[in-house]
Amino acid sequence: MITNEKNSKSNNEKKNEQLSRDSVCVCEECNHGLARDCLKVKCVCCKEGSHSMVLDGIVGLAPVSKGQRSYAEERSVLVSADSVKLQGNLTIPKNAHGIVLFAHGSGSSRHSTRNRYVAQVLQKAGLATLLIDLLTTEEEKVDDVTAHLRFDIGLLAKRLVGVTNWLLQNPDTKNLNVGYFGASTGTGAALVAAVERQSIVKAIVSRGGRPDLAGQALLRVKTPTLLIVGRRDTPVIEMNQEALDKLRGEKKMVIVSGATHLFEEPGTREEVARLAADWFVCYLDKMYKMNIITKPEKQAEAVKISENL
């Protein structure tokens, strides 16, 4: 089912709309983590009504959230995957419960301003991020001419699985729940890789993606998947709808009004970031809490069994 969270509301209606204090702040003018942080300090960008989230009527009702205002430094990493070395940028906020691995789209890279913006918003939400190039520097030079490797979904998915395995072995990330953010052709690779690592990948978000490129693997995807498409990206809407019908797990499709394929229109990039953050926080944080609860229960059960022997 297609939902349109940004429909034909008037500007006045949008101004009167109230979002949760626990929504992620997507404003580039401030460094607050959640909406409540802006409210507590009466952030200028909110006060002037230019904030992408309108927060009228609830100013000062919540304390500043803990653990969301300090951001870890981004560090460069070299990841071994599929017999090659891949360059990436890893950021792990304090007390992160999950990590989002970015699968870039056609001709893009870890330096993409659109993906870096989404990553920054996810970091504000307390999620670690890894933006990585799935092609080597030499392969990118070849692909710039031939454009064939960016459509090699099998190769990209294999690299993505390799990077996921690296996350599970890295001391700093091995305990974090994993999510995939795919864009364009990267979405196809993310879905195929998620099938291969079904028990590891807990959530997927696609922005203007080509899920159809995952082929028959779509029928085996059980990971909760959010497909975000621009209203003015008609061919991609149809591709995403067809793919949505094939997905077997929890799924949702959101069409962003006024957006074209690259989401360059005012407010559309922020909408994508908000939707992605909400989806990842919901599923990665939920799985983290389930693990916390389950472990003591399993230990108690083991003790009980040993007592009966």
C-alpha atoms as a PDB file:
ATOM      1  CA  MET A   1       0.000   0.000   0.000  1.00  0.00           C
ATOM      2  CA  ILE A   2       1.305   3.440  -0.948  1.00  0.00           C
ATOM      3  CA  THR A   3       1.181   6.167   1.675  1.00  0.00           C
ATOM      4  CA  ASN A   4       1.903   9.833   1.067  1.00  0.00           C
ATOM      5  CA  GLU A   5       3.064  11.524   4.250  1.00  0.00           C
ATOM      6  CA  LYS A   6       3.619  14.880   2.535  1.00  0.00           C
ATOM      7  CA  ASN A   7       0.439  15.450   0.583  1.00  0.00           C
ATOM      8  CA  SER A   8      -1.297  18.605  -0.538  1.00  0.00           C
ATOM      9  CA  LYS A   9      -1.446  20.308   2.867  1.00  0.00           C
ATOM     10  CA  SER A  10      -1.449  24.097   2.829  1.00  0.00           C
ATOM     11  CA  ASN A  11       1.436  26.006   4.363  1.00  0.00           C
ATOM     12  CA  ASN A  12      -0.777  27.090   7.257  1.00  0.00           C
ATOM     13  CA  GLU A  13      -1.722  23.490   8.017  1.00  0.00           C
ATOM     14  CA  LYS A  14       1.933  22.478   7.988  1.00  0.00           C
ATOM     15  CA  LYS A  15       2.775  25.279  10.417  1.00  0.00           C
ATOM     16  CA  ASN A  16       0.144  24.026  12.844  1.00  0.00           C
ATOM     17  CA  GLU A  17       1.349  20.444  12.642  1.00  0.00           C
ATOM     18  CA  GLN A  18       3.039  19.125  15.774  1.00  0.00           C
ATOM     19  CA  LEU A  19       5.630  16.373  15.680  1.00  0.00           C
ATOM     20  CA  SER A  20       6.776  14.262  18.589  1.00  0.00           C
ATOM     21  CA  ARG A  21       9.458  15.682  20.866  1.00  0.00           C
ATOM     22  CA  ASP A  22      11.318  12.434  20.238  1.00  0.00           C
ATOM     23  CA  SER A  23      11.533  13.075  16.493  1.00  0.00           C
ATOM     24  CA  VAL A  24      15.026  13.590  15.125  1.00  0.00           C
ATOM     25  CA  CYS A  25      16.011  17.202  14.496  1.00  0.00           C
ATOM     26  CA  VAL A  26      16.870  17.508  10.796  1.00  0.00           C
ATOM     27  CA  CYS A  27      17.818  21.185  10.814  1.00  0.00           C
ATOM     28  CA  GLU A  28      21.267  22.021   9.416  1.00  0.00           C
ATOM     29  CA  GLU A  29      21.448  25.280  11.358  1.00  0.00           C
ATOM     30  CA  CYS A  30      21.747  23.676  14.799  1.00  0.00           C
ATOM     31  CA  ASN A  31      23.438  20.650  16.337  1.00  0.00           C
ATOM     32  CA  HIS A  32      20.568  19.298  18.405  1.00  0.00           C
ATOM     33  CA  GLY A  33      19.813  15.604  18.508  1.00  0.00           C
ATOM     34  CA  LEU A  34      16.058  15.413  19.066  1.00  0.00           C
ATOM     35  CA  ALA A  35      13.237  17.904  18.708  1.00  0.00           C
ATOM     36  CA  ARG A  36      13.104  18.218  22.497  1.00  0.00           C
ATOM     37  CA  ASP A  37      16.647  19.640  22.469  1.00  0.00           C
ATOM     38  CA  CYS A  38      15.530  22.499  20.225  1.00  0.00           C
ATOM     39  CA  LEU A  39      12.483  23.065  22.417  1.00  0.00           C
ATOM     40  CA  LYS A  40      14.435  23.208  25.662  1.00  0.00           C
ATOM     41  CA  VAL A  41      16.772  25.945  24.494  1.00  0.00           C
ATOM     42  CA  LYS A  42      14.148  27.678  22.352  1.00  0.00           C
ATOM     43  CA  CYS A  43      16.234  27.218  19.241  1.00  0.00           C
ATOM     44  CA  VAL A  44      16.171  30.215  16.909  1.00  0.00           C
ATOM     45  CA  CYS A  45      15.500  28.146  13.813  1.00  0.00           C
ATOM     46  CA  CYS A  46      12.372  26.712  15.463  1.00  0.00           C
ATOM     47  CA  LYS A  47      11.274  30.066  16.808  1.00  0.00           C
ATOM     48  CA  GLU A  48      11.454  31.699  13.395  1.00  0.00           C
ATOM     49  CA  GLY A  49       9.356  28.973  11.842  1.00  0.00           C
ATOM     50  CA  SER A  50      12.072  28.003   9.378  1.00  0.00           C
ATOM     51  CA  HIS A  51      12.751  24.671  11.062  1.00  0.00           C
ATOM     52  CA  SER A  52      11.748  21.663   8.979  1.00  0.00           C
ATOM     53  CA  MET A  53       9.761  20.404  11.978  1.00  0.00           C
ATOM     54  CA  VAL A  54       7.069  22.759  13.285  1.00  0.00           C
ATOM     55  CA  LEU A  55       6.916  22.552  17.076  1.00  0.00           C
ATOM     56  CA  ASP A  56       4.311  25.108  18.163  1.00  0.00           C
ATOM     57  CA  GLY A  57       2.736  24.925  21.588  1.00  0.00           C
ATOM     58  CA  ILE A  58       5.076  22.503  23.373  1.00  0.00           C
ATOM     59  CA  VAL A  59       8.176  24.617  24.001  1.00  0.00           C
ATOM     60  CA  GLY A  60      10.069  23.742  27.172  1.00  0.00           C
ATOM     61  CA  LEU A  61       8.097  20.623  28.111  1.00  0.00           C
ATOM     62  CA  ALA A  62      11.005  18.169  28.039  1.00  0.00           C
ATOM     63  CA  PRO A  63      14.578  18.047  29.323  1.00  0.00           C
ATOM     64  CA  VAL A  64      17.486  17.987  26.906  1.00  0.00           C
ATOM     65  CA  SER A  65      18.002  14.391  25.783  1.00  0.00           C
ATOM     66  CA  LYS A  66      21.117  12.689  27.070  1.00  0.00           C
ATOM     67  CA  GLY A  67      23.726  11.202  24.797  1.00  0.00           C
ATOM     68  CA  GLN A  68      22.531  12.930  21.643  1.00  0.00           C
ATOM     69  CA  ARG A  69      24.472  16.196  21.685  1.00  0.00           C
ATOM     70  CA  SER A  70      28.035  14.968  21.377  1.00  0.00           C
ATOM     71  CA  TYR A  71      29.090  13.449  18.093  1.00  0.00           C
ATOM     72  CA  ALA A  72      31.949  11.070  17.537  1.00  0.00           C
ATOM     73  CA  GLU A  73      34.587  11.935  15.000  1.00  0.00           C
ATOM     74  CA  GLU A  74      34.372  10.405  11.581  1.00  0.00           C
ATOM     75  CA  ARG A  75      37.312   8.153  10.876  1.00  0.00           C
ATOM     76  CA  SER A  76      38.556   6.599   7.673  1.00  0.00           C
ATOM     77  CA  VAL A  77      38.610   2.805   7.498  1.00  0.00           C
ATOM     78  CA  LEU A  78      39.929   0.298   4.991  1.00  0.00           C
ATOM     79  CA  VAL A  79      37.660  -2.733   4.831  1.00  0.00           C
ATOM     80  CA  SER A  80      38.659  -6.113   3.406  1.00  0.00           C
ATOM     81  CA  ALA A  81      35.757  -7.570   1.426  1.00  0.00           C
ATOM     82  CA  ASP A  82      35.624  -9.933  -1.535  1.00  0.00           C
ATOM     83  CA  SER A  83      39.442 -10.006  -1.827  1.00  0.00           C
ATOM     84  CA  VAL A  84      39.683  -6.199  -2.230  1.00  0.00           C
ATOM     85  CA  LYS A  85      40.195  -3.226   0.072  1.00  0.00           C
ATOM     86  CA  LEU A  86      37.301  -0.771   0.242  1.00  0.00           C
ATOM     87  CA  GLN A  87      37.496   2.770   1.574  1.00  0.00           C
ATOM     88  CA  GLY A  88      34.904   3.966   4.067  1.00  0.00           C
ATOM     89  CA  ASN A  89      34.027   6.607   6.652  1.00  0.00           C
ATOM     90  CA  LEU A  90      32.912   5.261  10.031  1.00  0.00           C
ATOM     91  CA  THR A  91      31.196   7.311  12.749  1.00  0.00           C
ATOM     92  CA  ILE A  92      30.052   5.813  16.067  1.00  0.00           C
ATOM     93  CA  PRO A  93      28.135   8.097  18.460  1.00  0.00           C
ATOM     94  CA  LYS A  94      28.285   7.380  22.171  1.00  0.00           C
ATOM     95  CA  ASN A  95      25.867   4.652  23.293  1.00  0.00           C
ATOM     96  CA  ALA A  96      24.934   3.709  19.723  1.00  0.00           C
ATOM     97  CA  HIS A  97      22.558   0.734  19.514  1.00  0.00           C
ATOM     98  CA  GLY A  98      22.795   0.176  15.791  1.00  0.00           C
ATOM     99  CA  ILE A  99      24.805   0.926  12.685  1.00  0.00           C
ATOM    100  CA  VAL A 100      23.597   1.821   9.197  1.00  0.00           C
ATOM    101  CA  LEU A 101      25.658   0.703   6.233  1.00  0.00           C
ATOM    102  CA  PHE A 102      25.203   2.838   3.113  1.00  0.00           C
ATOM    103  CA  ALA A 103      25.003   1.217  -0.322  1.00  0.00           C
ATOM    104  CA  HIS A 104      25.526   4.083  -2.755  1.00  0.00           C
ATOM    105  CA  GLY A 105      23.809   4.360  -6.101  1.00  0.00           C
ATOM    106  CA  SER A 106      24.810   4.834  -9.699  1.00  0.00           C
ATOM    107  CA  GLY A 107      28.051   6.756 -10.063  1.00  0.00           C
ATOM    108  CA  SER A 108      27.948   7.963  -6.446  1.00  0.00           C
ATOM    109  CA  SER A 109      30.464   7.552  -3.622  1.00  0.00           C
ATOM    110  CA  ARG A 110      30.891   7.842   0.127  1.00  0.00           C
ATOM    111  CA  HIS A 111      31.391  11.586  -0.432  1.00  0.00           C
ATOM    112  CA  SER A 112      27.814  12.063  -1.682  1.00  0.00           C
ATOM    113  CA  THR A 113      26.363  15.175  -0.002  1.00  0.00           C
ATOM    114  CA  ARG A 114      22.877  13.623   0.049  1.00  0.00           C
ATOM    115  CA  ASN A 115      24.020  10.457   1.805  1.00  0.00           C
ATOM    116  CA  ARG A 116      26.315  12.343   4.166  1.00  0.00           C
ATOM    117  CA  TYR A 117      23.392  14.507   5.223  1.00  0.00           C
ATOM    118  CA  VAL A 118      21.243  11.433   5.954  1.00  0.00           C
ATOM    119  CA  ALA A 119      24.169   9.931   7.886  1.00  0.00           C
ATOM    120  CA  GLN A 120      24.453  13.060  10.039  1.00  0.00           C
ATOM    121  CA  VAL A 121      20.761  12.907  10.928  1.00  0.00           C
ATOM    122  CA  LEU A 122      21.081   9.200  11.801  1.00  0.00           C
ATOM    123  CA  GLN A 123      24.036  10.033  14.037  1.00  0.00           C
ATOM    124  CA  LYS A 124      21.879  12.605  15.825  1.00  0.00           C
ATOM    125  CA  ALA A 125      19.414   9.778  16.437  1.00  0.00           C
ATOM    126  CA  GLY A 126      22.158   7.773  18.148  1.00  0.00           C
ATOM    127  CA  LEU A 127      23.014   5.457  15.257  1.00  0.00           C
ATOM    128  CA  ALA A 128      26.482   4.693  13.946  1.00  0.00           C
ATOM    129  CA  THR A 129      27.050   4.999  10.188  1.00  0.00           C
ATOM    130  CA  LEU A 130      29.442   3.537   7.658  1.00  0.00           C
ATOM    131  CA  LEU A 131      29.591   5.208   4.256  1.00  0.00           C
ATOM    132  CA  ILE A 132      31.682   3.003   2.021  1.00  0.00           C
ATOM    133  CA  ASP A 133      32.630   2.726  -1.633  1.00  0.00           C
ATOM    134  CA  LEU A 134      31.700  -0.733  -2.886  1.00  0.00           C
ATOM    135  CA  LEU A 135      34.074  -0.304  -5.828  1.00  0.00           C
ATOM    136  CA  THR A 136      37.824   0.242  -5.631  1.00  0.00           C
ATOM    137  CA  THR A 137      39.393   3.412  -7.033  1.00  0.00           C
ATOM    138  CA  GLU A 138      40.525   1.499 -10.132  1.00  0.00           C
ATOM    139  CA  GLU A 139      37.070  -0.012 -10.634  1.00  0.00           C
ATOM    140  CA  GLU A 140      35.431   3.394 -10.314  1.00  0.00           C
ATOM    141  CA  LYS A 141      37.669   4.756 -13.078  1.00  0.00           C
ATOM    142  CA  VAL A 142      36.567   1.932 -15.355  1.00  0.00           C
ATOM    143  CA  ASP A 143      32.910   2.362 -14.347  1.00  0.00           C
ATOM    144  CA  ASP A 144      33.046   6.092 -15.119  1.00  0.00           C
ATOM    145  CA  VAL A 145      33.633   5.081 -18.733  1.00  0.00           C
ATOM    146  CA  THR A 146      31.595   1.880 -19.087  1.00  0.00           C
ATOM    147  CA  ALA A 147      28.932   2.339 -16.349  1.00  0.00           C
ATOM    148  CA  HIS A 148      28.586  -1.442 -16.133  1.00  0.00           C
ATOM    149  CA  LEU A 149      29.875  -2.177 -12.615  1.00  0.00           C
ATOM    150  CA  ARG A 150      27.262   0.034 -10.948  1.00  0.00           C
ATOM    151  CA  PHE A 151      24.632  -2.344 -12.357  1.00  0.00           C
ATOM    152  CA  ASP A 152      26.479  -5.507 -11.343  1.00  0.00           C
ATOM    153  CA  ILE A 153      24.140  -6.250  -8.442  1.00  0.00           C
ATOM    154  CA  GLY A 154      25.768  -9.610  -7.740  1.00  0.00           C
ATOM    155  CA  LEU A 155      29.176  -7.984  -7.285  1.00  0.00           C
ATOM    156  CA  LEU A 156      27.852  -5.094  -5.183  1.00  0.00           C
ATOM    157  CA  ALA A 157      25.819  -7.432  -2.969  1.00  0.00           C
ATOM    158  CA  LYS A 158      28.841  -9.672  -2.435  1.00  0.00           C
ATOM    159  CA  ARG A 159      30.894  -6.637  -1.380  1.00  0.00           C
ATOM    160  CA  LEU A 160      28.099  -5.502   0.934  1.00  0.00           C
ATOM    161  CA  VAL A 161      27.987  -8.915   2.610  1.00  0.00           C
ATOM    162  CA  GLY A 162      31.761  -8.731   3.029  1.00  0.00           C
ATOM    163  CA  VAL A 163      31.513  -5.316   4.684  1.00  0.00           C
ATOM    164  CA  THR A 164      28.734  -6.620   6.943  1.00  0.00           C
ATOM    165  CA  ASN A 165      30.989  -9.489   8.017  1.00  0.00           C
ATOM    166  CA  TRP A 166      33.698  -6.922   8.772  1.00  0.00           C
ATOM    167  CA  LEU A 167      31.287  -5.037  11.035  1.00  0.00           C
ATOM    168  CA  LEU A 168      30.576  -8.252  12.932  1.00  0.00           C
ATOM    169  CA  GLN A 169      34.293  -8.810  13.504  1.00  0.00           C
ATOM    170  CA  ASN A 170      35.278  -5.239  14.342  1.00  0.00           C
ATOM    171  CA  PRO A 171      35.435  -4.742  18.143  1.00  0.00           C
ATOM    172  CA  ASP A 172      33.764  -1.319  17.884  1.00  0.00           C
ATOM    173  CA  THR A 173      30.778  -2.495  15.842  1.00  0.00           C
ATOM    174  CA  LYS A 174      30.307  -6.218  16.470  1.00  0.00           C
ATOM    175  CA  ASN A 175      27.545  -5.680  19.058  1.00  0.00           C
ATOM    176  CA  LEU A 176      25.541  -3.208  16.983  1.00  0.00           C
ATOM    177  CA  ASN A 177      22.388  -4.140  15.093  1.00  0.00           C
ATOM    178  CA  VAL A 178      22.879  -3.632  11.360  1.00  0.00           C
ATOM    179  CA  GLY A 179      20.695  -1.725   8.908  1.00  0.00           C
ATOM    180  CA  TYR A 180      21.146  -0.936   5.199  1.00  0.00           C
ATOM    181  CA  PHE A 181      20.449   2.395   3.498  1.00  0.00           C
ATOM    182  CA  GLY A 182      20.321   1.962  -0.272  1.00  0.00           C
ATOM    183  CA  ALA A 183      20.068   4.561  -3.019  1.00  0.00           C
ATOM    184  CA  SER A 184      19.423   3.979  -6.722  1.00  0.00           C
ATOM    185  CA  THR A 185      21.151   0.737  -7.810  1.00  0.00           C
ATOM    186  CA  GLY A 186      22.516   0.331  -4.283  1.00  0.00           C
ATOM    187  CA  THR A 187      19.007  -0.632  -3.165  1.00  0.00           C
ATOM    188  CA  GLY A 188      19.060  -3.744  -5.330  1.00  0.00           C
ATOM    189  CA  ALA A 189      22.394  -4.766  -3.828  1.00  0.00           C
ATOM    190  CA  ALA A 190      21.151  -4.077  -0.281  1.00  0.00           C
ATOM    191  CA  LEU A 191      18.109  -6.318  -0.730  1.00  0.00           C
ATOM    192  CA  VAL A 192      20.154  -9.187  -2.173  1.00  0.00           C
ATOM    193  CA  ALA A 193      22.739  -8.865   0.613  1.00  0.00           C
ATOM    194  CA  ALA A 194      19.978  -8.796   3.234  1.00  0.00           C
ATOM    195  CA  VAL A 195      18.784 -12.193   2.023  1.00  0.00           C
ATOM    196  CA  GLU A 196      22.300 -13.562   2.460  1.00  0.00           C
ATOM    197  CA  ARG A 197      22.562 -12.101   5.993  1.00  0.00           C
ATOM    198  CA  GLN A 198      18.915 -12.451   6.975  1.00  0.00           C
ATOM    199  CA  SER A 199      19.607 -12.945  10.680  1.00  0.00           C
ATOM    200  CA  ILE A 200      21.965  -9.948  10.842  1.00  0.00           C
ATOM    201  CA  VAL A 201      20.298  -7.159   8.864  1.00  0.00           C
ATOM    202  CA  LYS A 202      17.389  -5.790  10.909  1.00  0.00           C
ATOM    203  CA  ALA A 203      16.109  -2.944   8.706  1.00  0.00           C
ATOM    204  CA  ILE A 204      16.410  -1.526   5.184  1.00  0.00           C
ATOM    205  CA  VAL A 205      15.617   1.950   3.840  1.00  0.00           C
ATOM    206  CA  SER A 206      15.675   2.796   0.136  1.00  0.00           C
ATOM    207  CA  ARG A 207      15.758   6.335  -1.282  1.00  0.00           C
ATOM    208  CA  GLY A 208      14.840   6.649  -4.950  1.00  0.00           C
ATOM    209  CA  GLY A 209      16.032   3.071  -5.291  1.00  0.00           C
ATOM    210  CA  ARG A 210      15.875   0.307  -7.860  1.00  0.00           C
ATOM    211  CA  PRO A 211      14.600  -2.630  -5.780  1.00  0.00           C
ATOM    212  CA  ASP A 212      13.556  -4.330  -9.006  1.00  0.00           C
ATOM    213  CA  LEU A 213      17.241  -5.035  -9.677  1.00  0.00           C
ATOM    214  CA  ALA A 214      17.170  -7.544  -6.804  1.00  0.00           C
ATOM    215  CA  GLY A 215      15.166  -9.858  -9.073  1.00  0.00           C
ATOM    216  CA  GLN A 216      13.878 -13.075  -7.513  1.00  0.00           C
ATOM    217  CA  ALA A 217      15.661 -12.275  -4.246  1.00  0.00           C
ATOM    218  CA  LEU A 218      12.734  -9.929  -3.465  1.00  0.00           C
ATOM    219  CA  LEU A 219      10.579 -12.958  -2.736  1.00  0.00           C
ATOM    220  CA  ARG A 220      12.975 -13.978   0.047  1.00  0.00           C
ATOM    221  CA  VAL A 221      13.425 -10.611   1.764  1.00  0.00           C
ATOM    222  CA  LYS A 222      11.974 -10.765   5.288  1.00  0.00           C
ATOM    223  CA  THR A 223      13.786  -7.712   6.683  1.00  0.00           C
ATOM    224  CA  PRO A 224      11.521  -4.704   7.481  1.00  0.00           C
ATOM    225  CA  THR A 225      11.876  -2.480   4.411  1.00  0.00           C
ATOM    226  CA  LEU A 226      10.941   1.154   3.782  1.00  0.00           C
ATOM    227  CA  LEU A 227      10.846   2.394   0.179  1.00  0.00           C
ATOM    228  CA  ILE A 228      10.981   6.193  -0.251  1.00  0.00           C
ATOM    229  CA  VAL A 229      10.216   7.623  -3.688  1.00  0.00           C
ATOM    230  CA  GLY A 230       9.699  11.118  -5.098  1.00  0.00           C
ATOM    231  CA  ARG A 231       6.236  11.988  -6.402  1.00  0.00           C
ATOM    232  CA  ARG A 232       7.743  13.296  -9.651  1.00  0.00           C
ATOM    233  CA  ASP A 233       9.869  10.192 -10.197  1.00  0.00           C
ATOM    234  CA  THR A 234       7.114   8.310 -12.016  1.00  0.00           C
ATOM    235  CA  PRO A 235       9.046   5.369 -13.555  1.00  0.00           C
ATOM    236  CA  VAL A 236      10.737   4.624 -10.222  1.00  0.00           C
ATOM    237  CA  ILE A 237       7.385   4.761  -8.394  1.00  0.00           C
ATOM    238  CA  GLU A 238       6.113   1.945 -10.603  1.00  0.00           C
ATOM    239  CA  MET A 239       9.279  -0.102 -10.079  1.00  0.00           C
ATOM    240  CA  ASN A 240       9.031   0.326  -6.320  1.00  0.00           C
ATOM    241  CA  GLN A 241       5.345  -0.593  -6.225  1.00  0.00           C
ATOM    242  CA  GLU A 242       6.012  -3.821  -8.096  1.00  0.00           C
ATOM    243  CA  ALA A 243       8.893  -4.647  -5.775  1.00  0.00           C
ATOM    244  CA  LEU A 244       6.792  -3.817  -2.702  1.00  0.00           C
ATOM    245  CA  ASP A 245       4.208  -6.384  -3.754  1.00  0.00           C
ATOM    246  CA  LYS A 246       6.900  -9.083  -3.814  1.00  0.00           C
ATOM    247  CA  LEU A 247       8.493  -8.372  -0.447  1.00  0.00           C
ATOM    248  CA  ARG A 248       7.501 -10.911   2.210  1.00  0.00           C
ATOM    249  CA  GLY A 249       8.434  -9.093   5.413  1.00  0.00           C
ATOM    250  CA  GLU A 250       7.152  -5.910   7.032  1.00  0.00           C
ATOM    251  CA  LYS A 251       7.140  -3.225   4.374  1.00  0.00           C
ATOM    252  CA  LYS A 252       6.059   0.303   3.592  1.00  0.00           C
ATOM    253  CA  MET A 253       6.264   2.719   0.682  1.00  0.00           C
ATOM    254  CA  VAL A 254       6.237   6.496   1.159  1.00  0.00           C
ATOM    255  CA  ILE A 255       5.909   8.973  -1.714  1.00  0.00           C
ATOM    256  CA  VAL A 256       7.333  12.428  -0.979  1.00  0.00           C
ATOM    257  CA  SER A 257       5.390  15.248  -2.627  1.00  0.00           C
ATOM    258  CA  GLY A 258       7.241  17.525  -5.024  1.00  0.00           C
ATOM    259  CA  ALA A 259      10.378  15.371  -5.048  1.00  0.00           C
ATOM    260  CA  THR A 260      12.213  14.229  -8.153  1.00  0.00           C
ATOM    261  CA  HIS A 261      14.682  11.345  -8.300  1.00  0.00           C
ATOM    262  CA  LEU A 262      17.517  13.109  -6.453  1.00  0.00           C
ATOM    263  CA  PHE A 263      15.315  14.823  -3.826  1.00  0.00           C
ATOM    264  CA  GLU A 264      16.882  18.212  -4.514  1.00  0.00           C
ATOM    265  CA  GLU A 265      13.707  20.226  -3.922  1.00  0.00           C
ATOM    266  CA  PRO A 266      13.410  22.293  -0.692  1.00  0.00           C
ATOM    267  CA  GLY A 267      12.452  20.174   2.301  1.00  0.00           C
ATOM    268  CA  THR A 268      12.539  16.833   0.501  1.00  0.00           C
ATOM    269  CA  ARG A 269      15.999  15.846   1.660  1.00  0.00           C
ATOM    270  CA  GLU A 270      14.991  16.559   5.255  1.00  0.00           C
ATOM    271  CA  GLU A 271      11.854  14.469   4.829  1.00  0.00           C
ATOM    272  CA  VAL A 272      13.904  11.497   3.604  1.00  0.00           C
ATOM    273  CA  ALA A 273      16.288  11.815   6.545  1.00  0.00           C
ATOM    274  CA  ARG A 274      13.437  11.967   9.048  1.00  0.00           C
ATOM    275  CA  LEU A 275      11.679   8.948   7.574  1.00  0.00           C
ATOM    276  CA  ALA A 276      14.914   6.952   7.504  1.00  0.00           C
ATOM    277  CA  ALA A 277      15.815   7.865  11.082  1.00  0.00           C
ATOM    278  CA  ASP A 278      12.385   6.911  12.382  1.00  0.00           C
ATOM    279  CA  TRP A 279      12.507   3.538  10.592  1.00  0.00           C
ATOM    280  CA  PHE A 280      16.006   2.634  11.741  1.00  0.00           C
ATOM    281  CA  VAL A 281      15.471   3.781  15.316  1.00  0.00           C
ATOM    282  CA  CYS A 282      12.260   1.751  15.465  1.00  0.00           C
ATOM    283  CA  TYR A 283      13.792  -1.521  14.270  1.00  0.00           C
ATOM    284  CA  LEU A 284      17.440  -1.320  15.318  1.00  0.00           C
ATOM    285  CA  ASP A 285      16.680   0.024  18.784  1.00  0.00           C
ATOM    286  CA  LYS A 286      13.820  -2.443  19.237  1.00  0.00           C
ATOM    287  CA  MET A 287      16.076  -5.380  18.413  1.00  0.00           C
ATOM    288  CA  TYR A 288      18.705  -4.043  20.811  1.00  0.00           C
ATOM    289  CA  LYS A 289      16.187  -3.902  23.658  1.00  0.00           C
ATOM    290  CA  MET A 290      14.930  -7.385  22.810  1.00  0.00           C
ATOM    291  CA  ASN A 291      18.476  -8.718  23.072  1.00  0.00           C
ATOM    292  CA  ILE A 292      18.950  -7.009  26.453  1.00  0.00           C
ATOM    293  CA  ILE A 293      15.752  -8.597  27.767  1.00  0.00           C
ATOM    294  CA  THR A 294      16.305 -12.018  26.230  1.00  0.00           C
ATOM    295  CA  LYS A 295      19.819 -12.630  27.583  1.00  0.00           C
ATOM    296  CA  PRO A 296      18.903 -12.498  31.312  1.00  0.00           C
ATOM    297  CA  GLU A 297      15.851 -14.656  30.629  1.00  0.00           C
ATOM    298  CA  LYS A 298      18.007 -17.252  28.898  1.00  0.00           C
ATOM    299  CA  GLN A 299      20.500 -17.191  31.758  1.00  0.00           C
ATOM    300  CA  ALA A 300      17.716 -17.638  34.325  1.00  0.00           C
ATOM    301  CA  GLU A 301      16.311 -20.526  32.308  1.00  0.00           C
ATOM    302  CA  ALA A 302      19.733 -22.162  32.163  1.00  0.00           C
ATOM    303  CA  VAL A 303      20.127 -21.852  35.947  1.00  0.00           C
ATOM    304  CA  LYS A 304      16.684 -23.361  36.484  1.00  0.00           C
ATOM    305  CA  ILE A 305      17.506 -26.325  34.259  1.00  0.00           C
ATOM    306  CA  SER A 306      20.803 -26.947  36.064  1.00  0.00           C
ATOM    307  CA  GLU A 307      19.014 -26.882  39.412  1.00  0.00           C
ATOM    308  CA  ASN A 308      16.632 -29.585  38.273  1.00  0.00           C
ATOM    309  CA  LEU A 309      19.421 -31.911  37.135  1.00  0.00           C
END
